[in-house]
Amino acid sequence: MDRKVAHQHRSLPLSTPTDLGEDATRDIAAALTALLADVFALYLKTKNFHWHVSGPHFRDYHLMLDEQGAQLFAMTDDIAERARKVGGPTLKSIGHISRLQRILDNDADFVTPRDMLSELRDDNKQLVGILRQLHELTSSHDDHATTSLIENWIDEAEGRLWFLFEATRLER
């Protein structure tokens, strides 16, 4: 392939064929990309707390947060690829994540284990709400494949929320 032809191919826009329609493609891809930013933000916060947790329950919390981080990271490729399958673009950089994320970062030098788990519990609850809104959007556009994925992600987020809730309950 000569240089002129190669350059022409690089300048072609992304246009994945889909039957969802222009509005659905735009809205669903944008919502999935924002979700992806949130999941990356929550993943990194979970790993941050995994790396920095301390105290008498260190081993249990360290392992739980590692499992939860792995579950979040596993979602990322599915989310990004779904955005591409419906015909839209997705994240391109860390800066792009920071512009879209709704899950807040925590850059504190020290966070108590209880505060770590409480913050992650609240973040996962926020993520469940985001997923439910996205479920409504994809359902309204008859995007059954994305809707089905979201149902599984809601179940996983509710599982993380449950574990974090139970780990933060005060003993009586």
N, C-alpha and C. Protein backbone atom coordinates (compact mmCIF):
# COMPACT_ATOMS: atom_id res chain seq x y z
N MET A 1 0.86 -1.17 0.00
CA MET A 1 0.00 0.00 0.00
C MET A 1 0.90 1.23 0.00
N ASP A 2 0.67 2.15 -0.97
CA ASP A 2 1.52 3.33 -0.99
C ASP A 2 1.11 4.31 0.11
N ARG A 3 1.94 5.32 0.35
CA ARG A 3 1.74 6.25 1.46
C ARG A 3 0.43 7.03 1.33
N LYS A 4 0.06 7.41 0.12
CA LYS A 4 -1.16 8.18 -0.09
C LYS A 4 -2.40 7.35 0.31
N VAL A 5 -2.43 6.10 -0.12
CA VAL A 5 -3.55 5.22 0.21
C VAL A 5 -3.57 4.94 1.71
N ALA A 6 -2.41 4.70 2.31
CA ALA A 6 -2.34 4.45 3.75
C ALA A 6 -2.86 5.65 4.53
N HIS A 7 -2.49 6.85 4.10
CA HIS A 7 -2.96 8.06 4.77
C HIS A 7 -4.47 8.21 4.62
N GLN A 8 -5.01 7.89 3.47
CA GLN A 8 -6.46 7.97 3.27
C GLN A 8 -7.18 7.02 4.21
N HIS A 9 -6.67 5.84 4.40
CA HIS A 9 -7.30 4.87 5.31
C HIS A 9 -7.25 5.35 6.75
N ARG A 10 -6.15 5.99 7.15
CA ARG A 10 -6.04 6.48 8.52
C ARG A 10 -6.99 7.64 8.79
N SER A 11 -7.37 8.38 7.77
CA SER A 11 -8.23 9.53 7.98
C SER A 11 -9.72 9.20 7.87
N LEU A 12 -10.04 7.95 7.55
CA LEU A 12 -11.43 7.56 7.47
C LEU A 12 -12.05 7.54 8.87
N PRO A 13 -13.26 8.03 9.02
CA PRO A 13 -13.89 8.02 10.35
C PRO A 13 -14.28 6.60 10.76
N LEU A 14 -14.40 6.42 12.06
CA LEU A 14 -14.88 5.14 12.56
C LEU A 14 -16.36 5.04 12.23
N SER A 15 -16.75 4.01 11.56
CA SER A 15 -18.19 3.86 11.28
C SER A 15 -18.55 2.38 11.32
N THR A 16 -18.83 1.92 12.52
CA THR A 16 -19.22 0.53 12.71
C THR A 16 -20.67 0.38 12.29
N PRO A 17 -20.99 -0.59 11.45
CA PRO A 17 -22.39 -0.76 11.04
C PRO A 17 -23.27 -1.19 12.21
N THR A 18 -24.42 -0.56 12.33
CA THR A 18 -25.38 -0.90 13.38
C THR A 18 -26.78 -0.53 12.90
N ASP A 19 -27.76 -1.20 13.44
CA ASP A 19 -29.15 -0.88 13.08
C ASP A 19 -29.85 -0.07 14.17
N LEU A 20 -29.08 0.43 15.15
CA LEU A 20 -29.68 1.14 16.27
C LEU A 20 -30.15 2.55 15.94
N GLY A 21 -29.62 3.14 14.92
CA GLY A 21 -30.00 4.50 14.58
C GLY A 21 -29.01 5.51 15.16
N GLU A 22 -28.99 6.67 14.55
CA GLU A 22 -28.01 7.70 14.91
C GLU A 22 -28.15 8.18 16.36
N ASP A 23 -29.38 8.45 16.80
CA ASP A 23 -29.59 8.91 18.17
C ASP A 23 -29.17 7.86 19.19
N ALA A 24 -29.56 6.62 18.96
CA ALA A 24 -29.20 5.53 19.87
C ALA A 24 -27.69 5.35 19.92
N THR A 25 -27.06 5.36 18.77
CA THR A 25 -25.60 5.20 18.71
C THR A 25 -24.92 6.30 19.50
N ARG A 26 -25.31 7.52 19.27
CA ARG A 26 -24.69 8.66 19.96
C ARG A 26 -24.92 8.56 21.47
N ASP A 27 -26.17 8.36 21.88
CA ASP A 27 -26.52 8.38 23.30
C ASP A 27 -25.93 7.19 24.06
N ILE A 28 -26.04 6.01 23.48
CA ILE A 28 -25.55 4.81 24.17
C ILE A 28 -24.03 4.81 24.23
N ALA A 29 -23.37 5.14 23.13
CA ALA A 29 -21.90 5.16 23.13
C ALA A 29 -21.38 6.20 24.13
N ALA A 30 -22.01 7.36 24.20
CA ALA A 30 -21.58 8.38 25.15
C ALA A 30 -21.78 7.91 26.59
N ALA A 31 -22.91 7.29 26.85
CA ALA A 31 -23.19 6.79 28.20
C ALA A 31 -22.24 5.66 28.58
N LEU A 32 -21.93 4.78 27.64
CA LEU A 32 -20.98 3.71 27.90
C LEU A 32 -19.58 4.26 28.15
N THR A 33 -19.20 5.28 27.43
CA THR A 33 -17.88 5.88 27.61
C THR A 33 -17.79 6.54 28.98
N ALA A 34 -18.85 7.23 29.41
CA ALA A 34 -18.86 7.81 30.76
C ALA A 34 -18.82 6.70 31.81
N LEU A 35 -19.56 5.62 31.58
CA LEU A 35 -19.52 4.48 32.49
C LEU A 35 -18.10 3.91 32.56
N LEU A 36 -17.45 3.80 31.44
CA LEU A 36 -16.08 3.28 31.41
C LEU A 36 -15.15 4.16 32.24
N ALA A 37 -15.31 5.47 32.14
CA ALA A 37 -14.51 6.39 32.96
C ALA A 37 -14.76 6.14 34.44
N ASP A 38 -16.02 5.94 34.80
CA ASP A 38 -16.36 5.67 36.21
C ASP A 38 -15.77 4.35 36.68
N VAL A 39 -15.84 3.34 35.85
CA VAL A 39 -15.32 2.02 36.24
C VAL A 39 -13.80 2.08 36.39
N PHE A 40 -13.12 2.78 35.48
CA PHE A 40 -11.67 2.93 35.65
C PHE A 40 -11.34 3.70 36.93
N ALA A 41 -12.10 4.76 37.21
CA ALA A 41 -11.86 5.54 38.44
C ALA A 41 -12.08 4.67 39.68
N LEU A 42 -13.15 3.87 39.68
CA LEU A 42 -13.44 3.00 40.81
C LEU A 42 -12.41 1.88 40.91
N TYR A 43 -11.98 1.36 39.78
CA TYR A 43 -10.94 0.33 39.77
C TYR A 43 -9.67 0.87 40.43
N LEU A 44 -9.22 2.05 40.00
CA LEU A 44 -7.98 2.59 40.54
C LEU A 44 -8.11 2.93 42.02
N LYS A 45 -9.27 3.44 42.44
CA LYS A 45 -9.47 3.72 43.85
C LYS A 45 -9.47 2.41 44.66
N THR A 46 -10.10 1.39 44.13
CA THR A 46 -10.12 0.10 44.81
C THR A 46 -8.70 -0.45 44.94
N LYS A 47 -7.91 -0.36 43.89
CA LYS A 47 -6.52 -0.83 43.96
C LYS A 47 -5.70 0.06 44.89
N ASN A 48 -5.93 1.36 44.89
CA ASN A 48 -5.26 2.26 45.82
C ASN A 48 -5.49 1.79 47.26
N PHE A 49 -6.74 1.54 47.60
CA PHE A 49 -7.06 1.10 48.95
C PHE A 49 -6.51 -0.30 49.22
N HIS A 50 -6.53 -1.16 48.22
CA HIS A 50 -5.92 -2.50 48.33
C HIS A 50 -4.44 -2.37 48.69
N TRP A 51 -3.74 -1.46 48.04
CA TRP A 51 -2.32 -1.29 48.26
C TRP A 51 -2.01 -0.64 49.62
N HIS A 52 -2.95 0.18 50.12
CA HIS A 52 -2.66 0.99 51.31
C HIS A 52 -3.44 0.59 52.56
N VAL A 53 -4.25 -0.45 52.48
CA VAL A 53 -5.01 -0.85 53.66
C VAL A 53 -4.05 -1.36 54.74
N SER A 54 -4.44 -1.17 56.00
CA SER A 54 -3.61 -1.62 57.12
C SER A 54 -4.53 -2.03 58.26
N GLY A 55 -3.94 -2.54 59.32
CA GLY A 55 -4.72 -2.84 60.50
C GLY A 55 -4.97 -4.32 60.71
N PRO A 56 -5.76 -4.63 61.75
CA PRO A 56 -5.95 -6.02 62.16
C PRO A 56 -6.69 -6.89 61.13
N HIS A 57 -7.45 -6.28 60.23
CA HIS A 57 -8.17 -7.05 59.21
C HIS A 57 -7.48 -6.94 57.84
N PHE A 58 -6.20 -6.60 57.88
CA PHE A 58 -5.44 -6.36 56.65
C PHE A 58 -5.64 -7.46 55.60
N ARG A 59 -5.39 -8.69 55.98
CA ARG A 59 -5.44 -9.78 55.01
C ARG A 59 -6.81 -9.91 54.36
N ASP A 60 -7.87 -9.89 55.17
CA ASP A 60 -9.22 -10.02 54.63
C ASP A 60 -9.56 -8.86 53.70
N TYR A 61 -9.28 -7.65 54.13
CA TYR A 61 -9.59 -6.47 53.31
C TYR A 61 -8.74 -6.43 52.05
N HIS A 62 -7.45 -6.75 52.21
CA HIS A 62 -6.53 -6.75 51.08
C HIS A 62 -7.00 -7.72 50.00
N LEU A 63 -7.39 -8.90 50.40
CA LEU A 63 -7.86 -9.91 49.44
C LEU A 63 -9.21 -9.52 48.83
N MET A 64 -10.13 -9.01 49.65
CA MET A 64 -11.44 -8.60 49.13
C MET A 64 -11.29 -7.48 48.10
N LEU A 65 -10.46 -6.49 48.41
CA LEU A 65 -10.28 -5.38 47.48
C LEU A 65 -9.56 -5.82 46.21
N ASP A 66 -8.68 -6.78 46.31
CA ASP A 66 -8.03 -7.31 45.12
C ASP A 66 -9.05 -8.01 44.22
N GLU A 67 -9.93 -8.81 44.82
CA GLU A 67 -10.98 -9.48 44.05
C GLU A 67 -11.92 -8.46 43.40
N GLN A 68 -12.29 -7.44 44.16
CA GLN A 68 -13.20 -6.44 43.61
C GLN A 68 -12.53 -5.64 42.49
N GLY A 69 -11.25 -5.33 42.66
CA GLY A 69 -10.52 -4.63 41.60
C GLY A 69 -10.46 -5.46 40.33
N ALA A 70 -10.20 -6.74 40.47
CA ALA A 70 -10.15 -7.62 39.29
C ALA A 70 -11.50 -7.68 38.59
N GLN A 71 -12.58 -7.71 39.37
CA GLN A 71 -13.92 -7.74 38.78
C GLN A 71 -14.20 -6.45 38.01
N LEU A 72 -13.81 -5.31 38.57
CA LEU A 72 -14.00 -4.03 37.89
C LEU A 72 -13.17 -3.96 36.62
N PHE A 73 -11.90 -4.37 36.71
CA PHE A 73 -11.03 -4.32 35.53
C PHE A 73 -11.57 -5.20 34.41
N ALA A 74 -12.15 -6.33 34.78
CA ALA A 74 -12.71 -7.26 33.78
C ALA A 74 -13.86 -6.62 33.01
N MET A 75 -14.54 -5.66 33.62
CA MET A 75 -15.65 -4.99 32.95
C MET A 75 -15.18 -4.04 31.85
N THR A 76 -13.98 -3.49 31.99
CA THR A 76 -13.57 -2.37 31.15
C THR A 76 -13.55 -2.70 29.66
N ASP A 77 -13.00 -3.83 29.31
CA ASP A 77 -12.92 -4.17 27.88
C ASP A 77 -14.31 -4.40 27.30
N ASP A 78 -15.18 -5.05 28.07
CA ASP A 78 -16.55 -5.28 27.59
C ASP A 78 -17.29 -3.96 27.37
N ILE A 79 -17.10 -3.01 28.27
CA ILE A 79 -17.77 -1.71 28.13
C ILE A 79 -17.26 -0.99 26.89
N ALA A 80 -15.93 -0.91 26.75
CA ALA A 80 -15.35 -0.20 25.60
C ALA A 80 -15.73 -0.87 24.28
N GLU A 81 -15.66 -2.19 24.25
CA GLU A 81 -16.01 -2.88 23.00
C GLU A 81 -17.49 -2.75 22.68
N ARG A 82 -18.32 -2.68 23.69
CA ARG A 82 -19.76 -2.48 23.43
C ARG A 82 -20.00 -1.10 22.83
N ALA A 83 -19.31 -0.08 23.33
CA ALA A 83 -19.43 1.27 22.75
C ALA A 83 -19.04 1.24 21.27
N ARG A 84 -17.98 0.51 20.95
CA ARG A 84 -17.55 0.41 19.55
C ARG A 84 -18.55 -0.41 18.72
N LYS A 85 -19.11 -1.47 19.30
CA LYS A 85 -20.06 -2.31 18.56
C LYS A 85 -21.33 -1.54 18.19
N VAL A 86 -21.74 -0.61 19.04
CA VAL A 86 -22.95 0.16 18.72
C VAL A 86 -22.63 1.32 17.78
N GLY A 87 -21.35 1.48 17.42
CA GLY A 87 -20.99 2.47 16.40
C GLY A 87 -20.38 3.74 16.91
N GLY A 88 -20.03 3.79 18.19
CA GLY A 88 -19.44 5.02 18.73
C GLY A 88 -17.98 4.85 19.10
N PRO A 89 -17.35 5.96 19.45
CA PRO A 89 -15.98 5.90 19.96
C PRO A 89 -15.99 5.64 21.47
N THR A 90 -14.82 5.51 22.04
CA THR A 90 -14.72 5.35 23.49
C THR A 90 -13.49 6.08 24.02
N LEU A 91 -13.09 5.80 25.23
CA LEU A 91 -12.00 6.51 25.88
C LEU A 91 -10.71 6.43 25.09
N LYS A 92 -9.93 7.50 25.22
CA LYS A 92 -8.66 7.56 24.52
C LYS A 92 -7.48 7.83 25.44
N SER A 93 -7.73 8.28 26.68
CA SER A 93 -6.61 8.65 27.55
C SER A 93 -7.05 8.78 29.01
N ILE A 94 -6.05 8.89 29.88
CA ILE A 94 -6.32 9.15 31.30
C ILE A 94 -7.01 10.51 31.44
N GLY A 95 -6.59 11.49 30.66
CA GLY A 95 -7.22 12.80 30.70
C GLY A 95 -8.70 12.73 30.33
N HIS A 96 -9.01 11.89 29.36
CA HIS A 96 -10.40 11.69 28.94
C HIS A 96 -11.21 11.11 30.10
N ILE A 97 -10.62 10.14 30.81
CA ILE A 97 -11.28 9.56 31.99
C ILE A 97 -11.57 10.66 33.00
N SER A 98 -10.56 11.48 33.29
CA SER A 98 -10.73 12.51 34.34
C SER A 98 -11.80 13.54 33.97
N ARG A 99 -11.99 13.78 32.69
CA ARG A 99 -13.03 14.73 32.27
C ARG A 99 -14.44 14.15 32.39
N LEU A 100 -14.57 12.82 32.32
CA LEU A 100 -15.89 12.19 32.31
C LEU A 100 -16.30 11.55 33.63
N GLN A 101 -15.36 11.17 34.46
CA GLN A 101 -15.67 10.37 35.65
C GLN A 101 -16.58 11.12 36.62
N ARG A 102 -17.50 10.35 37.20
CA ARG A 102 -18.39 10.86 38.24
C ARG A 102 -18.03 10.26 39.59
N ILE A 103 -17.30 9.18 39.60
CA ILE A 103 -16.78 8.57 40.82
C ILE A 103 -15.55 9.38 41.22
N LEU A 104 -15.57 9.94 42.42
CA LEU A 104 -14.49 10.82 42.85
C LEU A 104 -13.23 10.05 43.24
N ASP A 105 -12.08 10.66 42.99
CA ASP A 105 -10.80 10.10 43.39
C ASP A 105 -10.59 10.32 44.89
N ASN A 106 -9.64 9.59 45.44
CA ASN A 106 -9.20 9.82 46.81
C ASN A 106 -7.68 9.78 46.82
N ASP A 107 -7.07 10.96 46.95
CA ASP A 107 -5.62 11.07 46.93
C ASP A 107 -5.04 11.31 48.32
N ALA A 108 -5.82 11.04 49.36
CA ALA A 108 -5.36 11.28 50.73
C ALA A 108 -4.14 10.43 51.05
N ASP A 109 -3.27 10.97 51.88
CA ASP A 109 -2.08 10.23 52.29
C ASP A 109 -2.43 9.05 53.18
N PHE A 110 -3.49 9.18 53.99
CA PHE A 110 -3.89 8.08 54.87
C PHE A 110 -5.41 8.07 54.97
N VAL A 111 -5.97 6.88 54.84
CA VAL A 111 -7.41 6.67 55.00
C VAL A 111 -7.54 5.44 55.90
N THR A 112 -8.39 5.52 56.91
CA THR A 112 -8.58 4.36 57.77
C THR A 112 -9.25 3.24 56.97
N PRO A 113 -9.02 2.01 57.36
CA PRO A 113 -9.67 0.91 56.65
C PRO A 113 -11.19 1.04 56.61
N ARG A 114 -11.79 1.41 57.72
CA ARG A 114 -13.25 1.58 57.76
C ARG A 114 -13.71 2.67 56.78
N ASP A 115 -12.97 3.77 56.70
CA ASP A 115 -13.32 4.84 55.76
C ASP A 115 -13.12 4.39 54.31
N MET A 116 -12.08 3.59 54.08
CA MET A 116 -11.86 3.05 52.72
C MET A 116 -13.07 2.23 52.27
N LEU A 117 -13.46 1.28 53.14
CA LEU A 117 -14.57 0.39 52.78
C LEU A 117 -15.88 1.16 52.65
N SER A 118 -16.09 2.15 53.53
CA SER A 118 -17.31 2.95 53.46
C SER A 118 -17.37 3.76 52.17
N GLU A 119 -16.23 4.32 51.80
CA GLU A 119 -16.18 5.11 50.56
C GLU A 119 -16.42 4.23 49.34
N LEU A 120 -15.80 3.07 49.31
CA LEU A 120 -16.02 2.14 48.20
C LEU A 120 -17.46 1.64 48.18
N ARG A 121 -18.04 1.42 49.35
CA ARG A 121 -19.46 1.01 49.44
C ARG A 121 -20.33 2.08 48.77
N ASP A 122 -20.10 3.33 49.13
CA ASP A 122 -20.89 4.43 48.57
C ASP A 122 -20.64 4.58 47.06
N ASP A 123 -19.39 4.40 46.64
CA ASP A 123 -19.06 4.49 45.21
C ASP A 123 -19.75 3.38 44.42
N ASN A 124 -19.77 2.17 44.96
CA ASN A 124 -20.45 1.07 44.27
C ASN A 124 -21.95 1.30 44.23
N LYS A 125 -22.49 1.91 45.28
CA LYS A 125 -23.92 2.26 45.27
C LYS A 125 -24.19 3.30 44.19
N GLN A 126 -23.31 4.29 44.06
CA GLN A 126 -23.44 5.28 42.99
C GLN A 126 -23.35 4.60 41.63
N LEU A 127 -22.44 3.64 41.49
CA LEU A 127 -22.30 2.93 40.22
C LEU A 127 -23.57 2.14 39.89
N VAL A 128 -24.20 1.54 40.87
CA VAL A 128 -25.47 0.83 40.63
C VAL A 128 -26.49 1.81 40.06
N GLY A 129 -26.58 3.01 40.63
CA GLY A 129 -27.51 4.01 40.12
C GLY A 129 -27.21 4.40 38.69
N ILE A 130 -25.94 4.58 38.37
CA ILE A 130 -25.51 4.91 37.01
C ILE A 130 -25.89 3.78 36.06
N LEU A 131 -25.66 2.55 36.49
CA LEU A 131 -26.00 1.39 35.66
C LEU A 131 -27.50 1.28 35.43
N ARG A 132 -28.30 1.57 36.44
CA ARG A 132 -29.76 1.52 36.27
C ARG A 132 -30.23 2.58 35.27
N GLN A 133 -29.64 3.77 35.32
CA GLN A 133 -29.99 4.80 34.34
C GLN A 133 -29.61 4.37 32.93
N LEU A 134 -28.44 3.78 32.80
CA LEU A 134 -27.99 3.30 31.50
C LEU A 134 -28.90 2.18 31.00
N HIS A 135 -29.35 1.33 31.92
CA HIS A 135 -30.27 0.26 31.57
C HIS A 135 -31.56 0.83 30.96
N GLU A 136 -32.07 1.89 31.57
CA GLU A 136 -33.28 2.54 31.03
C GLU A 136 -33.02 3.07 29.62
N LEU A 137 -31.85 3.71 29.44
CA LEU A 137 -31.51 4.26 28.12
C LEU A 137 -31.42 3.16 27.07
N THR A 138 -30.67 2.10 27.37
CA THR A 138 -30.49 1.05 26.36
C THR A 138 -31.81 0.31 26.10
N SER A 139 -32.63 0.15 27.12
CA SER A 139 -33.94 -0.48 26.94
C SER A 139 -34.83 0.36 26.03
N SER A 140 -34.77 1.68 26.23
CA SER A 140 -35.62 2.56 25.42
C SER A 140 -35.23 2.56 23.95
N HIS A 141 -33.99 2.19 23.66
CA HIS A 141 -33.52 2.11 22.27
C HIS A 141 -33.51 0.67 21.75
N ASP A 142 -34.11 -0.25 22.50
CA ASP A 142 -34.15 -1.68 22.12
C ASP A 142 -32.76 -2.26 21.86
N ASP A 143 -31.78 -1.80 22.63
CA ASP A 143 -30.43 -2.35 22.54
C ASP A 143 -30.34 -3.49 23.56
N HIS A 144 -30.84 -4.64 23.15
CA HIS A 144 -30.96 -5.78 24.05
C HIS A 144 -29.60 -6.32 24.51
N ALA A 145 -28.61 -6.30 23.65
CA ALA A 145 -27.30 -6.84 24.03
C ALA A 145 -26.66 -6.01 25.13
N THR A 146 -26.69 -4.68 24.99
CA THR A 146 -26.11 -3.83 26.03
C THR A 146 -26.93 -3.94 27.31
N THR A 147 -28.25 -3.97 27.18
CA THR A 147 -29.12 -4.09 28.35
C THR A 147 -28.80 -5.36 29.13
N SER A 148 -28.57 -6.45 28.42
CA SER A 148 -28.24 -7.72 29.07
C SER A 148 -26.92 -7.64 29.82
N LEU A 149 -25.92 -7.03 29.21
CA LEU A 149 -24.63 -6.86 29.89
C LEU A 149 -24.79 -6.04 31.16
N ILE A 150 -25.56 -4.96 31.05
CA ILE A 150 -25.76 -4.06 32.20
C ILE A 150 -26.41 -4.81 33.36
N GLU A 151 -27.33 -5.70 33.07
CA GLU A 151 -27.97 -6.48 34.14
C GLU A 151 -26.94 -7.28 34.92
N ASN A 152 -25.97 -7.85 34.23
CA ASN A 152 -24.90 -8.59 34.91
C ASN A 152 -24.00 -7.64 35.71
N TRP A 153 -23.70 -6.48 35.15
CA TRP A 153 -22.87 -5.51 35.85
C TRP A 153 -23.56 -4.98 37.11
N ILE A 154 -24.88 -4.81 37.03
CA ILE A 154 -25.63 -4.39 38.22
C ILE A 154 -25.51 -5.45 39.30
N ASP A 155 -25.68 -6.72 38.93
CA ASP A 155 -25.57 -7.80 39.89
C ASP A 155 -24.18 -7.83 40.53
N GLU A 156 -23.14 -7.66 39.74
CA GLU A 156 -21.78 -7.65 40.28
C GLU A 156 -21.57 -6.47 41.22
N ALA A 157 -22.05 -5.29 40.84
CA ALA A 157 -21.90 -4.10 41.67
C ALA A 157 -22.67 -4.25 42.98
N GLU A 158 -23.85 -4.85 42.90
CA GLU A 158 -24.62 -5.10 44.12
C GLU A 158 -23.90 -6.09 45.03
N GLY A 159 -23.20 -7.05 44.45
CA GLY A 159 -22.40 -7.99 45.24
C GLY A 159 -21.27 -7.28 45.96
N ARG A 160 -20.56 -6.40 45.25
CA ARG A 160 -19.49 -5.63 45.89
C ARG A 160 -20.06 -4.75 46.99
N LEU A 161 -21.17 -4.10 46.70
CA LEU A 161 -21.84 -3.24 47.68
C LEU A 161 -22.20 -4.04 48.93
N TRP A 162 -22.75 -5.20 48.76
CA TRP A 162 -23.14 -6.07 49.88
C TRP A 162 -21.92 -6.41 50.75
N PHE A 163 -20.83 -6.86 50.12
CA PHE A 163 -19.64 -7.23 50.88
C PHE A 163 -19.09 -6.03 51.64
N LEU A 164 -19.05 -4.87 50.99
CA LEU A 164 -18.53 -3.67 51.64
C LEU A 164 -19.44 -3.21 52.77
N PHE A 165 -20.74 -3.33 52.56
CA PHE A 165 -21.70 -2.98 53.62
C PHE A 165 -21.49 -3.87 54.83
N GLU A 166 -21.41 -5.18 54.61
CA GLU A 166 -21.25 -6.10 55.73
C GLU A 166 -19.92 -5.89 56.44
N ALA A 167 -18.88 -5.56 55.69
CA ALA A 167 -17.56 -5.35 56.29
C ALA A 167 -17.51 -4.05 57.11
N THR A 168 -18.43 -3.13 56.86
CA THR A 168 -18.40 -1.85 57.59
C THR A 168 -19.43 -1.79 58.71
N ARG A 169 -20.21 -2.85 58.88
CA ARG A 169 -21.19 -2.86 59.97
C ARG A 169 -20.49 -2.91 61.31
N LEU A 170 -21.01 -2.18 62.25
CA LEU A 170 -20.46 -2.21 63.60
C LEU A 170 -20.97 -3.43 64.34
N GLU A 171 -20.07 -4.07 65.05
CA GLU A 171 -20.46 -5.23 65.85
C GLU A 171 -21.20 -4.76 67.09
N ARG A 172 -22.16 -5.54 67.53
CA ARG A 172 -22.90 -5.18 68.75
C ARG A 172 -22.57 -6.12 69.87
